C-alpha atoms as a PDB file:
ATOM      1  CA  MET A   1     -35.914 -49.438 -79.640  1.00  0.00           C
ATOM      2  CA  ILE A   2     -32.147 -49.342 -79.483  1.00  0.00           C
ATOM      3  CA  SER A   3     -30.566 -50.893 -82.557  1.00  0.00           C
ATOM      4  CA  SER A   4     -28.169 -53.807 -82.285  1.00  0.00           C
ATOM      5  CA  THR A   5     -25.382 -51.620 -83.713  1.00  0.00           C
ATOM      6  CA  LYS A   6     -25.693 -49.121 -80.879  1.00  0.00           C
ATOM      7  CA  VAL A   7     -25.799 -51.940 -78.345  1.00  0.00           C
ATOM      8  CA  ARG A   8     -22.573 -53.359 -79.752  1.00  0.00           C
ATOM      9  CA  GLU A   9     -20.946 -49.892 -79.710  1.00  0.00           C
ATOM     10  CA  ARG A  10     -21.901 -49.366 -76.071  1.00  0.00           C
ATOM     11  CA  LEU A  11     -20.633 -52.825 -75.195  1.00  0.00           C
ATOM     12  CA  VAL A  12     -17.323 -52.174 -76.932  1.00  0.00           C
ATOM     13  CA  LEU A  13     -16.940 -48.809 -75.180  1.00  0.00           C
ATOM     14  CA  SER A  14     -17.756 -50.378 -71.815  1.00  0.00           C
ATOM     15  CA  LEU A  15     -15.218 -53.165 -72.329  1.00  0.00           C
ATOM     16  CA  PHE A  16     -12.629 -50.622 -73.459  1.00  0.00           C
ATOM     17  CA  GLY A  17     -13.252 -48.472 -70.386  1.00  0.00           C
ATOM     18  CA  LEU A  18     -13.024 -51.512 -68.116  1.00  0.00           C
ATOM     19  CA  SER A  19      -9.730 -52.564 -69.704  1.00  0.00           C
ATOM     20  CA  LEU A  20      -8.330 -49.063 -69.135  1.00  0.00           C
ATOM     21  CA  TRP A  21      -9.304 -49.219 -65.453  1.00  0.00           C
ATOM     22  CA  ILE A  22      -7.621 -52.601 -65.092  1.00  0.00           C
ATOM     23  CA  LEU A  23      -4.515 -51.296 -66.861  1.00  0.00           C
ATOM     24  CA  SER A  24      -4.438 -48.277 -64.539  1.00  0.00           C
ATOM     25  CA  ILE A  25      -4.545 -50.531 -61.493  1.00  0.00           C
ATOM     26  CA  VAL A  26      -1.708 -52.659 -62.880  1.00  0.00           C
ATOM     27  CA  ILE A  27       0.385 -49.545 -63.501  1.00  0.00           C
ATOM     28  CA  LEU A  28      -0.255 -48.278 -59.958  1.00  0.00           C
ATOM     29  CA  LEU A  29       0.823 -51.552 -58.327  1.00  0.00           C
ATOM     30  CA  PRO A  30       4.590 -50.795 -58.526  1.00  0.00           C
ATOM     31  CA  LEU A  31       3.941 -47.359 -57.007  1.00  0.00           C
ATOM     32  CA  ALA A  32       2.005 -48.912 -54.133  1.00  0.00           C
ATOM     33  CA  LEU A  33       4.780 -51.479 -53.693  1.00  0.00           C
ATOM     34  CA  VAL A  34       7.433 -48.778 -53.362  1.00  0.00           C
ATOM     35  CA  ILE A  35       5.404 -46.643 -50.948  1.00  0.00           C
ATOM     36  CA  LEU A  36       4.521 -49.585 -48.679  1.00  0.00           C
ATOM     37  CA  THR A  37       8.096 -50.872 -48.660  1.00  0.00           C
ATOM     38  CA  SER A  38       9.405 -47.423 -47.709  1.00  0.00           C
ATOM     39  CA  PHE A  39       7.629 -47.704 -44.338  1.00  0.00           C
ATOM     40  CA  LYS A  40       8.828 -51.233 -43.472  1.00  0.00           C
ATOM     41  CA  ASN A  41      11.779 -52.413 -41.390  1.00  0.00           C
ATOM     42  CA  LEU A  42      14.812 -54.188 -42.818  1.00  0.00           C
ATOM     43  CA  GLN A  43      13.396 -57.708 -42.542  1.00  0.00           C
ATOM     44  CA  GLU A  44       9.970 -56.899 -43.996  1.00  0.00           C
ATOM     45  CA  GLY A  45      11.447 -54.708 -46.713  1.00  0.00           C
ATOM     46  CA  ALA A  46      13.622 -57.591 -47.942  1.00  0.00           C
ATOM     47  CA  THR A  47      10.521 -59.560 -49.025  1.00  0.00           C
ATOM     48  CA  ILE A  48       9.298 -56.809 -51.393  1.00  0.00           C
ATOM     49  CA  ASN A  49       5.557 -57.448 -51.441  1.00  0.00           C
ATOM     50  CA  LEU A  50       2.296 -55.531 -51.099  1.00  0.00           C
ATOM     51  CA  SER A  51       1.714 -56.463 -47.461  1.00  0.00           C
ATOM     52  CA  LEU A  52       1.208 -53.669 -44.965  1.00  0.00           C
ATOM     53  CA  PRO A  53       4.109 -52.960 -42.584  1.00  0.00           C
ATOM     54  CA  THR A  54       3.741 -54.484 -39.125  1.00  0.00           C
ATOM     55  CA  VAL A  55       5.135 -51.308 -37.589  1.00  0.00           C
ATOM     56  CA  VAL A  56       5.263 -48.131 -39.660  1.00  0.00           C
ATOM     57  CA  GLN A  57       8.826 -46.831 -39.929  1.00  0.00           C
ATOM     58  CA  PRO A  58       8.722 -43.129 -40.923  1.00  0.00           C
ATOM     59  CA  GLU A  59      12.313 -42.815 -39.668  1.00  0.00           C
ATOM     60  CA  ASN A  60      13.380 -44.447 -42.947  1.00  0.00           C
ATOM     61  CA  TYR A  61      12.902 -41.074 -44.595  1.00  0.00           C
ATOM     62  CA  VAL A  62      15.035 -39.362 -41.954  1.00  0.00           C
ATOM     63  CA  THR A  63      17.786 -41.922 -42.546  1.00  0.00           C
ATOM     64  CA  VAL A  64      17.598 -41.337 -46.293  1.00  0.00           C
ATOM     65  CA  PHE A  65      17.856 -37.563 -45.861  1.00  0.00           C
ATOM     66  CA  ILE A  66      20.946 -37.875 -43.673  1.00  0.00           C
ATOM     67  CA  ASP A  67      22.841 -40.869 -45.083  1.00  0.00           C
ATOM     68  CA  GLY A  68      21.808 -40.310 -48.681  1.00  0.00           C
ATOM     69  CA  LYS A  69      22.952 -36.661 -48.654  1.00  0.00           C
ATOM     70  CA  ILE A  70      19.649 -35.639 -50.152  1.00  0.00           C
ATOM     71  CA  LEU A  71      20.187 -31.916 -49.717  1.00  0.00           C
ATOM     72  CA  GLY A  72      23.414 -31.993 -51.721  1.00  0.00           C
ATOM     73  CA  GLY A  73      21.767 -34.050 -54.443  1.00  0.00           C
ATOM     74  CA  LEU A  74      18.796 -31.682 -54.435  1.00  0.00           C
ATOM     75  CA  VAL A  75      21.046 -28.672 -55.037  1.00  0.00           C
ATOM     76  CA  ASN A  76      22.860 -30.490 -57.845  1.00  0.00           C
ATOM     77  CA  SER A  77      19.601 -31.590 -59.479  1.00  0.00           C
ATOM     78  CA  LEU A  78      18.114 -28.111 -59.247  1.00  0.00           C
ATOM     79  CA  LEU A  79      21.241 -26.602 -60.817  1.00  0.00           C
ATOM     80  CA  VAL A  80      21.451 -29.075 -63.681  1.00  0.00           C
ATOM     81  CA  THR A  81      17.707 -29.121 -64.366  1.00  0.00           C
ATOM     82  CA  SER A  82      17.177 -25.360 -64.264  1.00  0.00           C
ATOM     83  CA  VAL A  83      20.189 -24.431 -66.414  1.00  0.00           C
ATOM     84  CA  SER A  84      19.615 -27.259 -68.931  1.00  0.00           C
ATOM     85  CA  THR A  85      15.928 -26.430 -69.286  1.00  0.00           C
ATOM     86  CA  ALA A  86      16.608 -22.708 -69.702  1.00  0.00           C
ATOM     87  CA  LEU A  87      19.202 -23.339 -72.427  1.00  0.00           C
ATOM     88  CA  ILE A  88      16.890 -25.772 -74.217  1.00  0.00           C
ATOM     89  CA  LEU A  89      13.924 -23.382 -74.173  1.00  0.00           C
ATOM     90  CA  ILE A  90      15.848 -20.316 -75.345  1.00  0.00           C
ATOM     91  CA  SER A  91      17.850 -22.141 -78.032  1.00  0.00           C
ATOM     92  CA  SER A  92      14.903 -24.141 -79.391  1.00  0.00           C
ATOM     93  CA  SER A  93      12.533 -21.176 -79.559  1.00  0.00           C
ATOM     94  CA  VAL A  94      15.082 -19.027 -81.411  1.00  0.00           C
ATOM     95  CA  LEU A  95      15.992 -21.892 -83.745  1.00  0.00           C
ATOM     96  CA  GLY A  96      12.366 -22.751 -84.408  1.00  0.00           C
ATOM     97  CA  PHE A  97      11.577 -19.131 -85.267  1.00  0.00           C
ATOM     98  CA  VAL A  98      14.600 -18.440 -87.452  1.00  0.00           C
ATOM     99  CA  LEU A  99      14.523 -21.709 -89.403  1.00  0.00           C
ATOM    100  CA  THR A 100      10.777 -21.441 -89.984  1.00  0.00           C
ATOM    101  CA  ARG A 101      10.753 -17.826 -91.090  1.00  0.00           C
ATOM    102  CA  ARG A 102      13.808 -18.205 -93.356  1.00  0.00           C
ATOM    103  CA  ASP A 103      12.325 -20.489 -96.004  1.00  0.00           C
ATOM    104  CA  SER A 104      15.614 -21.306 -97.703  1.00  0.00           C
ATOM    105  CA  ARG A 105      17.396 -24.488 -98.718  1.00  0.00           C
ATOM    106  CA  SER A 106      19.901 -24.160 -95.877  1.00  0.00           C
ATOM    107  CA  SER A 107      17.095 -23.706 -93.324  1.00  0.00           C
ATOM    108  CA  ARG A 108      15.256 -26.779 -94.593  1.00  0.00           C
ATOM    109  CA  LEU A 109      18.502 -28.757 -94.471  1.00  0.00           C
ATOM    110  CA  MET A 110      19.109 -27.608 -90.902  1.00  0.00           C
ATOM    111  CA  LEU A 111      15.588 -28.664 -89.869  1.00  0.00           C
ATOM    112  CA  THR A 112      16.205 -32.060 -91.432  1.00  0.00           C
ATOM    113  CA  LEU A 113      19.466 -32.466 -89.527  1.00  0.00           C
ATOM    114  CA  ILE A 114      17.728 -31.444 -86.303  1.00  0.00           C
ATOM    115  CA  THR A 115      15.032 -34.037 -86.984  1.00  0.00           C
ATOM    116  CA  LEU A 116      17.731 -36.698 -87.270  1.00  0.00           C
ATOM    117  CA  GLY A 117      18.754 -35.764 -83.753  1.00  0.00           C
ATOM    118  CA  LEU A 118      15.477 -37.260 -82.518  1.00  0.00           C
ATOM    119  CA  VAL A 119      16.678 -40.765 -83.373  1.00  0.00           C
ATOM    120  CA  ALA A 120      20.418 -40.371 -82.790  1.00  0.00           C
ATOM    121  CA  PRO A 121      21.400 -42.565 -79.804  1.00  0.00           C
ATOM    122  CA  PHE A 122      23.626 -41.471 -76.942  1.00  0.00           C
ATOM    123  CA  THR A 123      27.098 -42.981 -77.313  1.00  0.00           C
ATOM    124  CA  ALA A 124      29.158 -42.818 -74.143  1.00  0.00           C
ATOM    125  CA  LEU A 125      32.749 -43.132 -75.379  1.00  0.00           C
ATOM    126  CA  PRO A 126      32.759 -40.426 -78.105  1.00  0.00           C
ATOM    127  CA  THR A 127      30.823 -38.093 -75.799  1.00  0.00           C
ATOM    128  CA  ILE A 128      33.275 -38.616 -72.936  1.00  0.00           C
ATOM    129  CA  LEU A 129      36.268 -38.069 -75.244  1.00  0.00           C
ATOM    130  CA  LEU A 130      34.715 -34.851 -76.557  1.00  0.00           C
ATOM    131  CA  LEU A 131      34.000 -33.566 -73.050  1.00  0.00           C
ATOM    132  CA  GLN A 132      37.546 -34.428 -71.969  1.00  0.00           C
ATOM    133  CA  SER A 133      38.968 -32.490 -74.921  1.00  0.00           C
ATOM    134  CA  LEU A 134      36.834 -29.524 -73.861  1.00  0.00           C
ATOM    135  CA  GLY A 135      38.091 -29.853 -70.285  1.00  0.00           C
ATOM    136  CA  ILE A 136      34.662 -30.144 -68.689  1.00  0.00           C
ATOM    137  CA  PHE A 137      34.278 -33.902 -68.189  1.00  0.00           C
ATOM    138  CA  GLY A 138      33.123 -34.767 -64.676  1.00  0.00           C
ATOM    139  CA  THR A 139      31.525 -31.358 -64.096  1.00  0.00           C
ATOM    140  CA  HIS A 140      27.915 -30.238 -64.048  1.00  0.00           C
ATOM    141  CA  TRP A 141      28.568 -28.241 -67.205  1.00  0.00           C
ATOM    142  CA  ALA A 142      29.303 -31.460 -69.079  1.00  0.00           C
ATOM    143  CA  LEU A 143      25.959 -32.853 -67.974  1.00  0.00           C
ATOM    144  CA  ILE A 144      24.163 -29.626 -68.905  1.00  0.00           C
ATOM    145  CA  ALA A 145      25.766 -29.566 -72.360  1.00  0.00           C
ATOM    146  CA  VAL A 146      24.770 -33.170 -73.118  1.00  0.00           C
ATOM    147  CA  TYR A 147      21.195 -32.676 -71.893  1.00  0.00           C
ATOM    148  CA  THR A 148      20.859 -29.549 -74.028  1.00  0.00           C
ATOM    149  CA  ALA A 149      22.139 -31.366 -77.103  1.00  0.00           C
ATOM    150  CA  MET A 150      19.922 -34.420 -76.520  1.00  0.00           C
ATOM    151  CA  PHE A 151      16.615 -32.664 -75.884  1.00  0.00           C
ATOM    152  CA  LEU A 152      17.098 -29.694 -78.213  1.00  0.00           C
ATOM    153  CA  PRO A 153      15.853 -31.465 -81.393  1.00  0.00           C
ATOM    154  CA  PHE A 154      12.450 -32.455 -80.001  1.00  0.00           C
ATOM    155  CA  THR A 155      11.830 -29.049 -78.459  1.00  0.00           C
ATOM    156  CA  THR A 156      12.967 -27.245 -81.616  1.00  0.00           C
ATOM    157  CA  MET A 157      10.549 -29.246 -83.758  1.00  0.00           C
ATOM    158  CA  MET A 158       7.757 -28.418 -81.317  1.00  0.00           C
ATOM    159  CA  MET A 159       8.551 -24.705 -81.456  1.00  0.00           C
ATOM    160  CA  ALA A 160       8.919 -24.717 -85.244  1.00  0.00           C
ATOM    161  CA  ALA A 161       5.520 -26.373 -85.646  1.00  0.00           C
ATOM    162  CA  PHE A 162       3.908 -23.692 -83.486  1.00  0.00           C
ATOM    163  CA  VAL A 163       5.739 -20.773 -85.150  1.00  0.00           C
ATOM    164  CA  LYS A 164       4.360 -21.930 -88.517  1.00  0.00           C
ATOM    165  CA  THR A 165       0.868 -21.160 -87.216  1.00  0.00           C
ATOM    166  CA  LEU A 166       1.784 -17.515 -86.491  1.00  0.00           C
ATOM    167  CA  PRO A 167       1.024 -15.159 -89.391  1.00  0.00           C
ATOM    168  CA  ARG A 168       3.997 -13.438 -91.011  1.00  0.00           C
ATOM    169  CA  GLU A 169       2.048 -10.173 -90.890  1.00  0.00           C
ATOM    170  CA  LEU A 170       3.060  -9.939 -87.221  1.00  0.00           C
ATOM    171  CA  ASP A 171       6.722  -9.820 -88.231  1.00  0.00           C
ATOM    172  CA  GLU A 172       6.085  -7.302 -90.988  1.00  0.00           C
ATOM    173  CA  ALA A 173       4.102  -4.993 -88.696  1.00  0.00           C
ATOM    174  CA  ALA A 174       6.844  -5.167 -86.042  1.00  0.00           C
ATOM    175  CA  ILE A 175       9.533  -4.408 -88.631  1.00  0.00           C
ATOM    176  CA  VAL A 176       7.558  -1.390 -89.840  1.00  0.00           C
ATOM    177  CA  ASP A 177       7.482  -0.177 -86.219  1.00  0.00           C
ATOM    178  CA  GLY A 178      11.264  -0.511 -86.024  1.00  0.00           C
ATOM    179  CA  ALA A 179      11.620  -3.899 -84.316  1.00  0.00           C
ATOM    180  CA  HIS A 180      14.437  -6.032 -85.710  1.00  0.00           C
ATOM    181  CA  GLY A 181      16.378  -9.130 -84.679  1.00  0.00           C
ATOM    182  CA  PRO A 182      16.220  -9.952 -80.973  1.00  0.00           C
ATOM    183  CA  VAL A 183      13.727  -7.142 -80.291  1.00  0.00           C
ATOM    184  CA  LEU A 184      11.331  -8.591 -82.877  1.00  0.00           C
ATOM    185  CA  PHE A 185      11.607 -12.069 -81.414  1.00  0.00           C
ATOM    186  CA  PHE A 186      11.487 -11.370 -77.684  1.00  0.00           C
ATOM    187  CA  ARG A 187       8.876  -8.597 -77.770  1.00  0.00           C
ATOM    188  CA  VAL A 188       6.534  -9.910 -80.463  1.00  0.00           C
ATOM    189  CA  ILE A 189       7.007 -13.659 -80.955  1.00  0.00           C
ATOM    190  CA  TRP A 190       8.168 -14.828 -77.523  1.00  0.00           C
ATOM    191  CA  PRO A 191       4.938 -13.817 -75.689  1.00  0.00           C
ATOM    192  CA  LEU A 192       2.923 -15.822 -78.247  1.00  0.00           C
ATOM    193  CA  LEU A 193       4.906 -18.996 -77.487  1.00  0.00           C
ATOM    194  CA  GLN A 194       3.657 -19.349 -73.923  1.00  0.00           C
ATOM    195  CA  ALA A 195       1.717 -22.593 -74.495  1.00  0.00           C
ATOM    196  CA  PRO A 196       4.546 -24.572 -76.151  1.00  0.00           C
ATOM    197  CA  LEU A 197       7.134 -23.012 -73.817  1.00  0.00           C
ATOM    198  CA  VAL A 198       5.285 -24.169 -70.704  1.00  0.00           C
ATOM    199  CA  THR A 199       4.819 -27.601 -72.245  1.00  0.00           C
ATOM    200  CA  ALA A 200       8.492 -27.826 -73.196  1.00  0.00           C
ATOM    201  CA  PHE A 201       9.542 -26.635 -69.745  1.00  0.00           C
ATOM    202  CA  LEU A 202       7.513 -29.319 -67.980  1.00  0.00           C
ATOM    203  CA  LEU A 203       8.608 -32.133 -70.291  1.00  0.00           C
ATOM    204  CA  ASN A 204      12.304 -31.252 -70.292  1.00  0.00           C
ATOM    205  CA  ALA A 205      12.402 -30.607 -66.560  1.00  0.00           C
ATOM    206  CA  MET A 206      10.905 -34.058 -65.896  1.00  0.00           C
ATOM    207  CA  TRP A 207      13.270 -35.764 -68.338  1.00  0.00           C
ATOM    208  CA  VAL A 208      16.388 -34.134 -66.901  1.00  0.00           C
ATOM    209  CA  TRP A 209      15.344 -34.528 -63.256  1.00  0.00           C
ATOM    210  CA  ASN A 210      14.544 -38.240 -63.577  1.00  0.00           C
ATOM    211  CA  ASP A 211      17.549 -39.219 -65.676  1.00  0.00           C
ATOM    212  CA  PHE A 212      19.839 -41.792 -64.101  1.00  0.00           C
ATOM    213  CA  MET A 213      22.177 -42.893 -66.890  1.00  0.00           C
ATOM    214  CA  LEU A 214      23.947 -39.679 -67.935  1.00  0.00           C
ATOM    215  CA  PRO A 215      24.976 -38.542 -64.428  1.00  0.00           C
ATOM    216  CA  LEU A 216      26.318 -42.057 -63.839  1.00  0.00           C
ATOM    217  CA  TYR A 217      28.504 -41.790 -66.950  1.00  0.00           C
ATOM    218  CA  LEU A 218      29.530 -38.146 -66.813  1.00  0.00           C
ATOM    219  CA  LEU A 219      29.976 -37.289 -63.117  1.00  0.00           C
ATOM    220  CA  ASN A 220      33.114 -38.605 -61.456  1.00  0.00           C
ATOM    221  CA  SER A 221      32.467 -37.474 -57.890  1.00  0.00           C
ATOM    222  CA  ALA A 222      29.749 -38.410 -55.388  1.00  0.00           C
ATOM    223  CA  GLU A 223      29.567 -34.763 -54.274  1.00  0.00           C
ATOM    224  CA  LYS A 224      28.338 -33.838 -57.748  1.00  0.00           C
ATOM    225  CA  TRP A 225      25.701 -36.569 -57.988  1.00  0.00           C
ATOM    226  CA  THR A 226      22.121 -35.627 -58.806  1.00  0.00           C
ATOM    227  CA  LEU A 227      19.224 -37.018 -56.767  1.00  0.00           C
ATOM    228  CA  PRO A 228      18.617 -40.239 -58.759  1.00  0.00           C
ATOM    229  CA  LEU A 229      22.184 -41.377 -58.038  1.00  0.00           C
ATOM    230  CA  SER A 230      21.686 -41.032 -54.274  1.00  0.00           C
ATOM    231  CA  VAL A 231      20.107 -44.508 -54.355  1.00  0.00           C
ATOM    232  CA  PHE A 232      23.636 -45.962 -54.471  1.00  0.00           C
ATOM    233  CA  SER A 233      24.066 -44.968 -50.827  1.00  0.00           C
ATOM    234  CA  PHE A 234      21.846 -47.880 -49.800  1.00  0.00           C
ATOM    235  CA  PHE A 235      23.317 -50.660 -51.933  1.00  0.00           C
ATOM    236  CA  GLY A 236      25.742 -52.809 -49.983  1.00  0.00           C
ATOM    237  CA  LYS A 237      28.166 -55.473 -51.168  1.00  0.00           C
ATOM    238  CA  TYR A 238      26.190 -58.334 -49.652  1.00  0.00           C
ATOM    239  CA  ASN A 239      22.717 -56.906 -49.022  1.00  0.00           C
ATOM    240  CA  HIS A 240      20.407 -54.103 -50.116  1.00  0.00           C
ATOM    241  CA  SER A 241      18.297 -51.943 -47.785  1.00  0.00           C
ATOM    242  CA  TRP A 242      15.154 -52.052 -49.878  1.00  0.00           C
ATOM    243  CA  GLN A 243      13.112 -50.047 -47.373  1.00  0.00           C
ATOM    244  CA  LEU A 244      15.639 -47.188 -47.641  1.00  0.00           C
ATOM    245  CA  ILE A 245      15.897 -47.559 -51.407  1.00  0.00           C
ATOM    246  CA  SER A 246      12.107 -47.285 -51.652  1.00  0.00           C
ATOM    247  CA  ALA A 247      12.065 -44.215 -49.401  1.00  0.00           C
ATOM    248  CA  ASN A 248      14.777 -42.681 -51.565  1.00  0.00           C
ATOM    249  CA  MET A 249      12.735 -43.341 -54.712  1.00  0.00           C
ATOM    250  CA  VAL A 250       9.686 -41.661 -53.189  1.00  0.00           C
ATOM    251  CA  ILE A 251      11.709 -38.578 -52.228  1.00  0.00           C
ATOM    252  CA  VAL A 252      13.394 -38.336 -55.637  1.00  0.00           C
ATOM    253  CA  SER A 253      10.176 -38.712 -57.611  1.00  0.00           C
ATOM    254  CA  ALA A 254       7.996 -36.498 -55.390  1.00  0.00           C
ATOM    255  CA  PRO A 255       9.025 -33.066 -56.811  1.00  0.00           C
ATOM    256  CA  VAL A 256       8.606 -34.033 -60.455  1.00  0.00           C
ATOM    257  CA  THR A 257       5.356 -35.870 -59.702  1.00  0.00           C
ATOM    258  CA  ILE A 258       3.916 -32.757 -58.061  1.00  0.00           C
ATOM    259  CA  LEU A 259       5.156 -30.672 -60.995  1.00  0.00           C
ATOM    260  CA  TYR A 260       3.398 -32.976 -63.446  1.00  0.00           C
ATOM    261  CA  LEU A 261       0.141 -33.056 -61.492  1.00  0.00           C
ATOM    262  CA  PHE A 262      -0.066 -29.263 -61.477  1.00  0.00           C
ATOM    263  CA  GLY A 263       1.129 -28.868 -65.055  1.00  0.00           C
ATOM    264  CA  GLN A 264      -0.537 -31.721 -66.943  1.00  0.00           C
ATOM    265  CA  ARG A 265      -3.271 -29.470 -68.316  1.00  0.00           C
ATOM    266  CA  PHE A 266      -0.577 -27.184 -69.785  1.00  0.00           C
ATOM    267  CA  ILE A 267       1.133 -30.198 -71.375  1.00  0.00           C
ATOM    268  CA  ILE A 268      -2.094 -31.290 -73.055  1.00  0.00           C
ATOM    269  CA  SER A 269      -2.984 -27.787 -74.275  1.00  0.00           C
ATOM    270  CA  GLY A 270       0.555 -27.077 -75.435  1.00  0.00           C
ATOM    271  CA  MET A 271       0.871 -30.323 -77.374  1.00  0.00           C
ATOM    272  CA  THR A 272      -2.453 -29.780 -79.156  1.00  0.00           C
ATOM    273  CA  ALA A 273      -2.250 -26.023 -79.758  1.00  0.00           C
ATOM    274  CA  GLY A 274      -0.128 -26.229 -82.899  1.00  0.00           C
ATOM    275  CA  ALA A 275      -2.099 -29.135 -84.304  1.00  0.00           C
ATOM    276  CA  VAL A 276      -5.426 -27.332 -83.868  1.00  0.00           C
ATOM    277  CA  LYS A 277      -4.188 -24.102 -85.392  1.00  0.00           C
ATOM    278  CA  GLY A 278      -2.365 -25.848 -88.203  1.00  0.00           C
END
C-alpha cells in the first residue's frame, strides 16, 4: 500500500504543477491581448479586450511598416545590438580571464568593483553630461558605450566563474609551446568559452534589443531611433491607435522572441555549466 507520506507528496506536486499551469496562462493573457488587438480596426482596438476581431485587419502591419519607419528602426537596432554585444563579449571574456588568472590584490579589488556595477543604477543627468563632454551624445556610439558599461559587470562575472573551472595546466602547456598574451587567450581559452559566450550573447542581445529607456534618453533624432521607440509614431495628442501600437509591439518583439526560442537550451546549459564544474 502507498503510505500517507507519499500520497501527500504526490498531492503537493500535483497542486504545484496545477498552479504553474494557471500562472502560465495568466502570463500568456497579455500576449494574446496584444496579438488579437493587432488585427482589429480602430473602434474595436480602442476597447482593448480579448474578444476576437469582427473583421481581421492584416493591413495594420503594412501601416506599421510604412508609417512607423520599421526598416530604419531595424537597421538602427541591428547596429546598436550587434556592436554592443560584440564589445561586451570580447571585453568581459578578456577581463574574466585576466582577473581570474592573476590572483593578486589588485585583481580581487577590480572584481569587487565590477561586482558593484551589478547594483549601480543608471543616472541620466551625469551620463548625459559625460557623453556631451566626449562629443558623442545623441549618436549611436553613445548608446553603445552605455550598454557596454551597464551589461559588462554581469557578463564579466559569468565569464570569471567559468574560467575558474578551467585548469591552469592549459595555460602552462600553451606557454611552453610558445603561446603568450592574446595568442594564449584566443587560441586556447576562447574556444573553451563557447557555452558561456553563447549564453551571454543571447542574454545581452535580448536586453539591448528590447530596451526602451536608454534610446529615449540618449538619442535626439527620430532617424536614429531603435525599434522600441517606433511605437511613438502611433501616439496622438488626443487618441491612441491601439491596434497599430499592438501590431508594432508584435513586430518589435518577434525577432528577439524567435532568437530566445531557438537559443533557450544554450542559455540553460551555459548558466549551469560553471556551477556543475565548480
